[in-house]
Amino acid sequence: MNDHVPAAERHAEDLAQRAPAIVIVAERWLSIAIAGFLVVAALLALGVAGVRLVQGLIHQGLDAFLIVTVVDHLLLVLMLVEILHTVRQSIEARELQAEPFLVVGLIATVRRILLVTLETSNVGMTTQGVVENFSHNMIELGVLAGLTAVLVASIAVARRSRMMRPQA
C-alpha cells in the first residue's frame, strides 16, 4: 500500500512523526544554554556585589547606601538562582510551574521596595523636590505593598493546589 504513496508524502509523514522528538531535543538544549547563561550572570552579579562591598568599605565606610546597594545585588543573584532552579525543574519534569516565577516576582518586589526606601531617605534635595519625590515614592510603595500581598497569596494558593493534586 505504501508503494502507491509518493516519496514526498512519505518523507513529510516521517518528518511529522519525528518532529515532536526534534522539538524536545531542541527545547532541552535551549534550556541548558539558558541555564549556562544564568549561571554566568549570577556569578558576575555576585562578583559585582563583592567588589562594591569591598570598595565601599575602603572608600566610604559602612553606611545605609552601601548596605542597600549590596543587598540589591544579592537579591538580583537570588532572582537569577531562582530562575535557574525553575529552568532545572522544567528540564527534569518537562512541565512549567508558576510558583518559582511568583517567588522571583516577590524577590523583585522586595528589591524595589528597598531601593524606593533608600530614595525616600535621600535628604540632599530641595524642599519641593523632597515633597514631590516623597509623594511619588509613597504611592509606589503602596502599589508594591499590594503587589507583595498578591504574590504571597498566589504562592500560597500555588503550594496548596500542588499539595492537593494527586501524585502520579
Protein backbone atom coordinates (compact mmCIF):
# COMPACT_ATOMS: atom_id res chain seq x y z
CA MET A 1 0.00 0.00 0.00
CA ASN A 2 2.87 2.40 0.76
CA ASP A 3 4.18 1.83 -2.76
CA HIS A 4 1.32 3.97 -4.09
CA VAL A 5 2.14 6.91 -1.77
CA PRO A 6 4.56 9.36 -3.40
CA ALA A 7 8.02 9.63 -1.82
CA ALA A 8 7.46 13.28 -0.89
CA GLU A 9 4.36 12.39 1.13
CA ARG A 10 6.18 9.52 2.89
CA HIS A 11 9.02 11.94 3.74
CA ALA A 12 6.55 14.52 5.07
CA GLU A 13 4.81 11.87 7.20
CA ASP A 14 8.14 10.64 8.53
CA LEU A 15 9.19 14.19 9.40
CA ALA A 16 5.83 14.84 11.08
CA GLN A 17 6.33 11.75 13.24
CA ARG A 18 9.87 12.79 14.21
CA ALA A 19 9.03 16.49 14.77
CA PRO A 20 7.97 16.16 18.44
CA ALA A 21 11.23 14.39 19.29
CA ILE A 22 13.24 17.04 17.44
CA VAL A 23 11.41 19.81 19.29
CA ILE A 24 12.02 18.10 22.65
CA VAL A 25 15.74 17.81 21.96
CA ALA A 26 15.91 21.45 20.81
CA GLU A 27 13.98 22.56 23.89
CA ARG A 28 16.37 20.72 26.19
CA TRP A 29 19.46 22.19 24.50
CA LEU A 30 17.98 25.69 24.68
CA SER A 31 17.14 25.20 28.35
CA ILE A 32 20.70 24.05 29.04
CA ALA A 33 22.09 27.09 27.21
CA ILE A 34 19.78 29.39 29.19
CA ALA A 35 20.90 27.71 32.41
CA GLY A 36 24.53 28.30 31.45
CA PHE A 37 23.93 31.99 30.82
CA LEU A 38 22.03 32.29 34.10
CA VAL A 39 24.95 30.75 36.00
CA VAL A 40 27.39 33.19 34.38
CA ALA A 41 25.07 36.16 35.08
CA ALA A 42 24.59 35.10 38.71
CA LEU A 43 28.34 34.70 39.24
CA LEU A 44 29.01 38.11 37.67
CA ALA A 45 26.31 39.77 39.81
CA LEU A 46 27.75 38.10 42.91
CA GLY A 47 31.21 39.34 41.95
CA VAL A 48 29.90 42.88 41.47
CA ALA A 49 28.26 42.73 44.91
CA GLY A 50 31.55 41.65 46.45
CA VAL A 51 33.54 44.34 44.66
CA ARG A 52 31.02 47.05 45.63
CA LEU A 53 31.15 45.91 49.25
CA VAL A 54 34.94 45.95 49.42
CA GLN A 55 35.25 49.26 47.55
CA GLY A 56 32.52 50.82 49.68
CA LEU A 57 34.15 49.72 52.91
CA ILE A 58 37.52 51.06 51.78
CA HIS A 59 36.35 54.40 50.40
CA GLN A 60 33.24 55.40 52.36
CA GLY A 61 32.88 53.02 55.27
CA LEU A 62 29.77 51.13 56.21
CA ASP A 63 26.61 53.14 55.59
CA ALA A 64 22.97 52.53 54.64
CA PHE A 65 23.57 53.23 50.95
CA LEU A 66 26.34 50.62 50.76
CA ILE A 67 24.26 48.03 52.57
CA VAL A 68 21.22 48.57 50.35
CA THR A 69 23.39 48.50 47.21
CA VAL A 70 24.98 45.21 48.20
CA VAL A 71 21.64 43.71 49.26
CA ASP A 72 20.17 44.86 45.93
CA HIS A 73 22.88 42.99 44.04
CA LEU A 74 22.47 39.92 46.24
CA LEU A 75 18.72 39.90 45.64
CA LEU A 76 19.45 40.02 41.91
CA VAL A 77 21.67 36.96 42.38
CA LEU A 78 18.87 35.28 44.32
CA MET A 79 16.42 36.04 41.49
CA LEU A 80 18.81 34.55 38.93
CA VAL A 81 19.33 31.45 41.08
CA GLU A 82 15.56 31.04 41.46
CA ILE A 83 15.09 31.34 37.69
CA LEU A 84 17.91 28.80 37.23
CA HIS A 85 16.09 26.49 39.64
CA THR A 86 12.93 26.91 37.56
CA VAL A 87 14.79 26.06 34.36
CA ARG A 88 16.28 22.96 36.01
CA GLN A 89 12.86 21.86 37.21
CA SER A 90 11.33 22.34 33.79
CA ILE A 91 14.13 20.29 32.21
CA GLU A 92 13.63 17.44 34.69
CA ALA A 93 9.83 17.46 34.91
CA ARG A 94 9.10 18.69 31.38
CA GLU A 95 6.49 20.92 32.99
CA LEU A 96 6.48 24.65 33.62
CA GLN A 97 5.41 25.64 37.12
CA ALA A 98 4.12 29.05 38.19
CA GLU A 99 5.35 29.09 41.78
CA PRO A 100 9.05 29.74 41.09
CA PHE A 101 8.14 32.70 38.88
CA LEU A 102 5.95 34.06 41.66
CA VAL A 103 8.89 33.77 44.05
CA VAL A 104 11.09 35.68 41.57
CA GLY A 105 8.40 38.36 41.38
CA LEU A 106 8.30 38.56 45.16
CA ILE A 107 12.08 38.93 45.35
CA ALA A 108 11.96 41.63 42.66
CA THR A 109 9.25 43.46 44.60
CA VAL A 110 11.24 43.36 47.83
CA ARG A 111 14.28 44.54 45.91
CA ARG A 112 12.36 47.53 44.54
CA ILE A 113 10.93 48.31 47.99
CA LEU A 114 14.47 48.55 49.34
CA LEU A 115 15.53 50.88 46.54
CA VAL A 116 12.47 53.14 46.88
CA THR A 117 13.04 53.30 50.63
CA LEU A 118 16.61 54.37 50.02
CA GLU A 119 15.48 57.02 47.51
CA THR A 120 12.92 58.31 50.03
CA SER A 121 15.56 58.68 52.72
CA ASN A 122 17.74 60.84 50.43
CA VAL A 123 17.76 64.31 52.05
CA GLY A 124 20.01 66.15 49.57
CA MET A 125 17.10 67.61 47.58
CA THR A 126 15.25 70.90 47.71
CA THR A 127 12.07 71.06 49.76
CA GLN A 128 9.84 70.97 46.66
CA GLY A 129 11.84 68.03 45.27
CA VAL A 130 11.58 66.17 48.56
CA VAL A 131 7.78 66.63 48.71
CA GLU A 132 7.24 65.51 45.10
CA ASN A 133 9.71 62.64 45.41
CA PHE A 134 8.27 61.55 48.76
CA SER A 135 4.72 61.59 47.41
CA HIS A 136 5.70 59.58 44.32
CA ASN A 137 7.66 57.10 46.41
CA MET A 138 4.80 56.61 48.88
CA ILE A 139 2.42 55.80 46.02
CA GLU A 140 4.97 53.37 44.59
CA LEU A 141 5.49 51.76 48.00
CA GLY A 142 1.72 51.36 48.36
CA VAL A 143 1.49 49.65 44.98
CA LEU A 144 4.47 47.45 45.84
CA ALA A 145 2.88 46.51 49.19
CA GLY A 146 -0.29 45.47 47.35
CA LEU A 147 1.75 43.52 44.81
CA THR A 148 3.62 41.81 47.65
CA ALA A 149 0.35 40.72 49.23
CA VAL A 150 -0.97 39.40 45.90
CA LEU A 151 2.27 37.49 45.23
CA VAL A 152 2.34 35.95 48.71
CA ALA A 153 -1.31 34.89 48.35
CA SER A 154 -0.59 33.48 44.88
CA ILE A 155 2.36 31.47 46.20
CA ALA A 156 0.18 30.10 49.00
CA VAL A 157 -2.55 29.10 46.50
CA ALA A 158 0.02 27.52 44.16
CA ARG A 159 1.50 25.48 47.02
CA ARG A 160 -1.90 24.42 48.30
CA SER A 161 -3.02 23.34 44.83
CA ARG A 162 0.21 21.41 44.33
CA MET A 163 -0.28 19.58 47.64
CA MET A 164 -3.89 18.76 46.77
CA ARG A 165 -3.02 17.43 43.30
CA PRO A 166 -2.94 13.62 43.19
CA GLN A 167 0.56 12.24 42.78
CA ALA A 168 1.19 10.08 39.74
